[in-house]
Amino acid sequence: MGYALRRCADPDDAADVVAETFMIAWRRIAEVPAGPVDLSQLGRVFRALSDDDRELLSLVAWERLDPGQIARTLGISRNAARVRLYRARRRFARALAAAGIDTARAAAVEGSVL
């Protein structure tokens, strides 16, 4: 809902978007391909990251912000945003590898965060 609220001018429109999304997802759940990536494990690895790393990676993967936009959002320089993002990606990749998750496949699932 928060994602839709940030993109819709009217909260009622956001609620409609969420309702429609879940209705379609529920109707098409059987079409979701089975794969070797355990999404619950991926989520556990992501949640184990620091708040700062999760925020940066979320801004890239879910909000599709580039380093310049991240810098403006966080009130830091563009260079600082790039460095922090690079380090967050490295920590996430190491955590995924330690959990036995293939980082190439995880990147596809997570929206190319890595």
C-alpha atoms as a PDB file:
ATOM      1  CA  MET A   1       0.000   0.000   0.000  1.00  0.00           C
ATOM      2  CA  GLY A   2       2.834   2.382   0.827  1.00  0.00           C
ATOM      3  CA  TYR A   3       4.307   1.863  -2.640  1.00  0.00           C
ATOM      4  CA  ALA A   4       0.972   2.712  -4.283  1.00  0.00           C
ATOM      5  CA  LEU A   5       0.400   5.701  -1.980  1.00  0.00           C
ATOM      6  CA  ARG A   6       3.708   7.223  -3.093  1.00  0.00           C
ATOM      7  CA  ARG A   7       2.629   6.988  -6.721  1.00  0.00           C
ATOM      8  CA  CYS A   8      -1.054   7.924  -6.602  1.00  0.00           C
ATOM      9  CA  ALA A   9      -2.358  11.402  -5.896  1.00  0.00           C
ATOM     10  CA  ASP A  10      -5.509  10.041  -4.260  1.00  0.00           C
ATOM     11  CA  PRO A  11      -5.400   7.451  -1.416  1.00  0.00           C
ATOM     12  CA  ASP A  12      -8.561   5.845  -2.819  1.00  0.00           C
ATOM     13  CA  ASP A  13      -6.764   5.259  -6.117  1.00  0.00           C
ATOM     14  CA  ALA A  14      -3.880   3.649  -4.228  1.00  0.00           C
ATOM     15  CA  ALA A  15      -6.310   1.329  -2.430  1.00  0.00           C
ATOM     16  CA  ASP A  16      -7.851   0.377  -5.776  1.00  0.00           C
ATOM     17  CA  VAL A  17      -4.408  -0.375  -7.220  1.00  0.00           C
ATOM     18  CA  VAL A  18      -3.544  -2.631  -4.280  1.00  0.00           C
ATOM     19  CA  ALA A  19      -6.888  -4.445  -4.426  1.00  0.00           C
ATOM     20  CA  GLU A  20      -6.563  -5.030  -8.172  1.00  0.00           C
ATOM     21  CA  THR A  21      -2.975  -6.212  -7.815  1.00  0.00           C
ATOM     22  CA  PHE A  22      -3.846  -8.775  -5.166  1.00  0.00           C
ATOM     23  CA  MET A  23      -6.900  -9.948  -7.107  1.00  0.00           C
ATOM     24  CA  ILE A  24      -4.780 -10.592 -10.208  1.00  0.00           C
ATOM     25  CA  ALA A  25      -1.977 -12.196  -8.191  1.00  0.00           C
ATOM     26  CA  TRP A  26      -4.398 -14.528  -6.435  1.00  0.00           C
ATOM     27  CA  ARG A  27      -6.083 -15.482  -9.695  1.00  0.00           C
ATOM     28  CA  ARG A  28      -2.744 -16.231 -11.395  1.00  0.00           C
ATOM     29  CA  ILE A  29      -0.862 -17.816  -8.470  1.00  0.00           C
ATOM     30  CA  ALA A  30      -0.657 -21.142 -10.313  1.00  0.00           C
ATOM     31  CA  GLU A  31       1.355 -19.440 -13.085  1.00  0.00           C
ATOM     32  CA  VAL A  32       4.224 -18.490 -10.794  1.00  0.00           C
ATOM     33  CA  PRO A  33       7.167 -20.611 -11.922  1.00  0.00           C
ATOM     34  CA  ALA A  34       8.808 -22.847  -9.383  1.00  0.00           C
ATOM     35  CA  GLY A  35      12.496 -22.227  -8.991  1.00  0.00           C
ATOM     36  CA  PRO A  36      15.474 -23.056  -6.807  1.00  0.00           C
ATOM     37  CA  VAL A  37      15.575 -19.536  -5.181  1.00  0.00           C
ATOM     38  CA  ASP A  38      13.921 -19.671  -1.738  1.00  0.00           C
ATOM     39  CA  LEU A  39      12.287 -16.231  -1.476  1.00  0.00           C
ATOM     40  CA  SER A  40      11.752 -16.562   2.256  1.00  0.00           C
ATOM     41  CA  GLN A  41      15.493 -17.171   2.673  1.00  0.00           C
ATOM     42  CA  LEU A  42      16.238 -14.201   0.410  1.00  0.00           C
ATOM     43  CA  GLY A  43      13.954 -12.087   2.583  1.00  0.00           C
ATOM     44  CA  ARG A  44      15.700 -13.258   5.745  1.00  0.00           C
ATOM     45  CA  VAL A  45      19.072 -12.268   4.301  1.00  0.00           C
ATOM     46  CA  PHE A  46      17.705  -8.876   3.259  1.00  0.00           C
ATOM     47  CA  ARG A  47      16.125  -8.253   6.682  1.00  0.00           C
ATOM     48  CA  ALA A  48      19.424  -9.146   8.369  1.00  0.00           C
ATOM     49  CA  LEU A  49      21.158  -6.219   6.652  1.00  0.00           C
ATOM     50  CA  SER A  50      21.536  -2.928   8.487  1.00  0.00           C
ATOM     51  CA  ASP A  51      18.717  -0.394   8.209  1.00  0.00           C
ATOM     52  CA  ASP A  52      20.943   1.825   6.069  1.00  0.00           C
ATOM     53  CA  ASP A  53      21.782  -0.970   3.617  1.00  0.00           C
ATOM     54  CA  ARG A  54      18.133  -2.028   3.349  1.00  0.00           C
ATOM     55  CA  GLU A  55      17.111   1.576   2.697  1.00  0.00           C
ATOM     56  CA  LEU A  56      19.672   2.050  -0.075  1.00  0.00           C
ATOM     57  CA  LEU A  57      18.893  -1.250  -1.766  1.00  0.00           C
ATOM     58  CA  SER A  58      15.158  -0.589  -1.512  1.00  0.00           C
ATOM     59  CA  LEU A  59      15.533   2.827  -3.105  1.00  0.00           C
ATOM     60  CA  VAL A  60      17.290   1.204  -6.064  1.00  0.00           C
ATOM     61  CA  ALA A  61      15.211  -1.948  -6.462  1.00  0.00           C
ATOM     62  CA  TRP A  62      11.740  -0.796  -5.516  1.00  0.00           C
ATOM     63  CA  GLU A  63      11.796   2.930  -6.164  1.00  0.00           C
ATOM     64  CA  ARG A  64      14.151   2.721  -9.187  1.00  0.00           C
ATOM     65  CA  LEU A  65      16.204   5.696  -8.004  1.00  0.00           C
ATOM     66  CA  ASP A  66      19.639   6.356  -9.446  1.00  0.00           C
ATOM     67  CA  PRO A  67      22.568   7.512  -7.260  1.00  0.00           C
ATOM     68  CA  GLY A  68      21.795  11.175  -7.943  1.00  0.00           C
ATOM     69  CA  GLN A  69      18.185  10.762  -6.845  1.00  0.00           C
ATOM     70  CA  ILE A  70      19.276   8.753  -3.810  1.00  0.00           C
ATOM     71  CA  ALA A  71      21.708  11.530  -2.893  1.00  0.00           C
ATOM     72  CA  ARG A  72      18.925  14.135  -3.029  1.00  0.00           C
ATOM     73  CA  THR A  73      16.542  11.893  -1.093  1.00  0.00           C
ATOM     74  CA  LEU A  74      19.056  11.214   1.683  1.00  0.00           C
ATOM     75  CA  GLY A  75      20.631  14.673   1.683  1.00  0.00           C
ATOM     76  CA  ILE A  76      24.125  13.402   0.847  1.00  0.00           C
ATOM     77  CA  SER A  77      26.502  13.957  -2.047  1.00  0.00           C
ATOM     78  CA  ARG A  78      26.151  11.925  -5.233  1.00  0.00           C
ATOM     79  CA  ASN A  79      29.592  10.414  -4.617  1.00  0.00           C
ATOM     80  CA  ALA A  80      28.647   9.395  -1.067  1.00  0.00           C
ATOM     81  CA  ALA A  81      25.483   7.775  -2.429  1.00  0.00           C
ATOM     82  CA  ARG A  82      27.523   5.799  -4.980  1.00  0.00           C
ATOM     83  CA  VAL A  83      30.023   4.621  -2.390  1.00  0.00           C
ATOM     84  CA  ARG A  84      27.338   3.634   0.125  1.00  0.00           C
ATOM     85  CA  LEU A  85      25.372   1.807  -2.569  1.00  0.00           C
ATOM     86  CA  TYR A  86      28.472  -0.053  -3.744  1.00  0.00           C
ATOM     87  CA  ARG A  87      29.231  -1.164  -0.189  1.00  0.00           C
ATOM     88  CA  ALA A  88      25.615  -2.146   0.509  1.00  0.00           C
ATOM     89  CA  ARG A  89      25.534  -4.252  -2.651  1.00  0.00           C
ATOM     90  CA  ARG A  90      28.788  -5.966  -1.671  1.00  0.00           C
ATOM     91  CA  ARG A  91      27.509  -6.748   1.834  1.00  0.00           C
ATOM     92  CA  PHE A  92      24.251  -8.077   0.395  1.00  0.00           C
ATOM     93  CA  ALA A  93      26.098 -10.244  -2.145  1.00  0.00           C
ATOM     94  CA  ARG A  94      28.355 -11.657   0.588  1.00  0.00           C
ATOM     95  CA  ALA A  95      25.352 -12.386   2.816  1.00  0.00           C
ATOM     96  CA  LEU A  96      23.562 -14.112  -0.057  1.00  0.00           C
ATOM     97  CA  ALA A  97      26.634 -16.213  -0.829  1.00  0.00           C
ATOM     98  CA  ALA A  98      26.990 -17.146   2.847  1.00  0.00           C
ATOM     99  CA  ALA A  99      23.353 -18.287   2.796  1.00  0.00           C
ATOM    100  CA  GLY A 100      24.039 -20.392  -0.315  1.00  0.00           C
ATOM    101  CA  ILE A 101      21.907 -18.240  -2.622  1.00  0.00           C
ATOM    102  CA  ASP A 102      23.122 -17.839  -6.213  1.00  0.00           C
ATOM    103  CA  THR A 103      23.641 -14.071  -6.571  1.00  0.00           C
ATOM    104  CA  ALA A 104      22.907 -13.987 -10.312  1.00  0.00           C
ATOM    105  CA  ARG A 105      19.509 -15.601  -9.782  1.00  0.00           C
ATOM    106  CA  ALA A 106      18.831 -13.514  -6.679  1.00  0.00           C
ATOM    107  CA  ALA A 107      19.586 -10.317  -8.628  1.00  0.00           C
ATOM    108  CA  ALA A 108      16.955 -11.251 -11.181  1.00  0.00           C
ATOM    109  CA  VAL A 109      14.408 -11.887  -8.427  1.00  0.00           C
ATOM    110  CA  GLU A 110      15.275  -8.764  -6.411  1.00  0.00           C
ATOM    111  CA  GLY A 111      15.141  -6.393  -9.353  1.00  0.00           C
ATOM    112  CA  SER A 112      18.848  -6.165 -10.125  1.00  0.00           C
ATOM    113  CA  VAL A 113      19.929  -4.782  -6.780  1.00  0.00           C
ATOM    114  CA  LEU A 114      23.282  -6.563  -7.032  1.00  0.00           C
END
